[in-house]
Amino acid sequence: MQGAVHHPRLGPPVTAARVVRSSGPLVLLLAACGGGDEGRCERLRDPAEQQDCHLEELATLFGEGDEAAFVEGLAALEDPLTRDLVRIRLAVDRPERSGWLCARVETEGARDKCRAVLGRPHLRAPAR
């Protein structure tokens, strides 16, 4: 599925057969709600919810320090604006990595936003 983040740490896709064979109603409930399903972001109808979903998935990989999986997951997103939105939101959330993220933005608008983020050096200071 295009746009889905595929990574071994996120686990295999949830299928109805796997849910039935697995233990208990809790797993069935989670599967019904989309928990662990690799195509869940694409099934969301609201574009803002889709972007938030992709951000969640990619932030997990980024937070784990799995740079290769993060870059691969980001590349799976078709729209450069969506990729840049993920980069900027992570740069704001993790100012210590903003330089790395901002060096990879693709659009002029994202470059402007990154200049604003990078222009606030007090945010990049380590937590005390």
Protein backbone atom coordinates (compact mmCIF):
# COMPACT_ATOMS: atom_id res chain seq x y z
CA MET A 1 0.00 0.00 0.00
CA GLN A 2 1.40 3.33 -1.01
CA GLY A 3 2.19 5.76 1.78
CA ALA A 4 2.29 3.09 4.46
CA VAL A 5 5.35 2.82 6.63
CA HIS A 6 6.77 -0.66 6.30
CA HIS A 7 9.25 -1.68 8.97
CA PRO A 8 9.94 -4.94 10.79
CA ARG A 9 9.66 -3.33 14.24
CA LEU A 10 6.11 -2.21 13.52
CA GLY A 11 5.11 -5.83 13.00
CA PRO A 12 3.31 -7.69 10.24
CA PRO A 13 -0.03 -6.46 8.94
CA VAL A 14 -3.08 -7.50 10.92
CA THR A 15 -5.35 -9.78 8.94
CA ALA A 16 -8.71 -11.19 9.91
CA ALA A 17 -7.25 -14.70 9.97
CA ARG A 18 -4.45 -13.66 12.33
CA VAL A 19 -6.91 -11.90 14.62
CA VAL A 20 -9.20 -14.92 14.83
CA ARG A 21 -6.26 -17.23 15.59
CA SER A 22 -4.81 -14.87 18.19
CA SER A 23 -5.90 -14.57 21.77
CA GLY A 24 -8.99 -12.89 23.02
CA PRO A 25 -11.48 -10.18 22.29
CA LEU A 26 -9.04 -7.35 23.08
CA VAL A 27 -7.01 -8.20 19.99
CA LEU A 28 -10.19 -8.33 17.93
CA LEU A 29 -11.22 -4.92 19.25
CA LEU A 30 -7.81 -3.42 18.43
CA ALA A 31 -7.91 -4.87 14.93
CA ALA A 32 -11.38 -3.46 14.37
CA CYS A 33 -10.07 -0.03 15.36
CA GLY A 34 -7.10 -0.29 13.01
CA GLY A 35 -4.39 -0.91 15.63
CA GLY A 36 -1.23 -2.23 13.97
CA ASP A 37 -2.76 -2.19 10.49
CA GLU A 38 -0.21 -0.93 8.00
CA GLY A 39 -2.72 0.77 5.68
CA ARG A 40 -4.66 2.63 8.33
CA CYS A 41 -3.47 6.12 7.36
CA GLU A 42 -4.64 5.74 3.77
CA ARG A 43 -8.11 4.68 4.90
CA LEU A 44 -8.65 7.92 6.79
CA ARG A 45 -10.78 10.32 4.76
CA ASP A 46 -9.70 13.61 6.31
CA PRO A 47 -6.33 14.77 4.86
CA ALA A 48 -5.37 16.34 8.20
CA GLU A 49 -6.02 13.04 9.99
CA GLN A 50 -3.96 11.22 7.35
CA GLN A 51 -1.05 13.60 7.92
CA ASP A 52 -1.31 13.17 11.69
CA CYS A 53 -1.35 9.40 11.23
CA HIS A 54 1.76 9.46 9.04
CA LEU A 55 3.45 11.77 11.54
CA GLU A 56 2.71 9.32 14.37
CA GLU A 57 4.16 6.39 12.43
CA LEU A 58 7.24 8.28 11.31
CA ALA A 59 7.80 9.92 14.69
CA THR A 60 7.97 6.45 16.23
CA LEU A 61 10.72 5.42 13.82
CA PHE A 62 12.53 8.74 14.24
CA GLY A 63 12.28 8.53 18.04
CA GLU A 64 13.76 5.03 17.97
CA GLY A 65 16.75 6.43 16.11
CA ASP A 66 16.11 4.23 13.09
CA GLU A 67 17.18 6.79 10.51
CA ALA A 68 17.08 4.38 7.56
CA ALA A 69 13.51 3.26 8.32
CA PHE A 70 12.45 6.87 8.87
CA VAL A 71 13.90 7.95 5.51
CA GLU A 72 12.29 4.94 3.79
CA GLY A 73 8.91 5.66 5.38
CA LEU A 74 9.14 9.32 4.46
CA ALA A 75 9.99 8.43 0.85
CA ALA A 76 6.83 6.30 0.70
CA LEU A 77 4.74 9.47 1.03
CA GLU A 78 3.91 10.73 -2.46
CA ASP A 79 3.41 14.42 -1.72
CA PRO A 80 6.52 16.53 -1.02
CA LEU A 81 4.40 18.93 1.05
CA THR A 82 3.35 16.06 3.32
CA ARG A 83 6.97 14.91 3.66
CA ASP A 84 8.04 18.46 4.53
CA LEU A 85 5.20 18.85 7.02
CA VAL A 86 6.43 15.73 8.83
CA ARG A 87 10.00 17.07 8.84
CA ILE A 88 8.96 20.49 10.16
CA ARG A 89 6.70 19.10 12.87
CA LEU A 90 9.48 16.79 14.04
CA ALA A 91 11.99 19.66 13.90
CA VAL A 92 9.76 21.70 16.21
CA ASP A 93 9.23 18.72 18.55
CA ARG A 94 12.90 17.71 18.53
CA PRO A 95 14.91 20.92 18.13
CA GLU A 96 18.19 19.10 18.73
CA ARG A 97 17.62 17.30 15.40
CA SER A 98 16.15 20.26 13.51
CA GLY A 99 19.32 20.88 11.51
CA TRP A 100 19.32 17.33 10.15
CA LEU A 101 15.61 17.46 9.33
CA CYS A 102 15.66 20.94 7.81
CA ALA A 103 18.61 20.11 5.57
CA ARG A 104 16.32 17.64 3.81
CA VAL A 105 13.19 19.74 3.15
CA GLU A 106 12.04 19.90 -0.46
CA THR A 107 9.86 22.99 -0.78
CA GLU A 108 10.53 26.71 -0.45
CA GLY A 109 7.77 27.15 2.14
CA ALA A 110 9.36 24.45 4.28
CA ARG A 111 12.75 26.13 3.94
CA ASP A 112 11.21 29.35 5.28
CA LYS A 113 9.68 27.51 8.24
CA CYS A 114 12.96 25.76 8.93
CA ARG A 115 14.83 29.07 8.97
CA ALA A 116 12.42 30.17 11.71
CA VAL A 117 12.99 26.95 13.68
CA LEU A 118 16.77 27.10 13.23
CA GLY A 119 16.74 30.79 14.16
CA ARG A 120 15.73 29.89 17.70
CA PRO A 121 18.96 28.44 19.15
CA HIS A 122 17.59 28.40 22.70
CA LEU A 123 15.25 25.60 21.59
CA ARG A 124 18.18 23.44 20.53
CA ALA A 125 19.79 23.58 23.97
CA PRO A 126 19.86 20.23 25.78
CA ALA A 127 17.23 19.72 28.47
CA ARG A 128 18.48 20.32 32.00
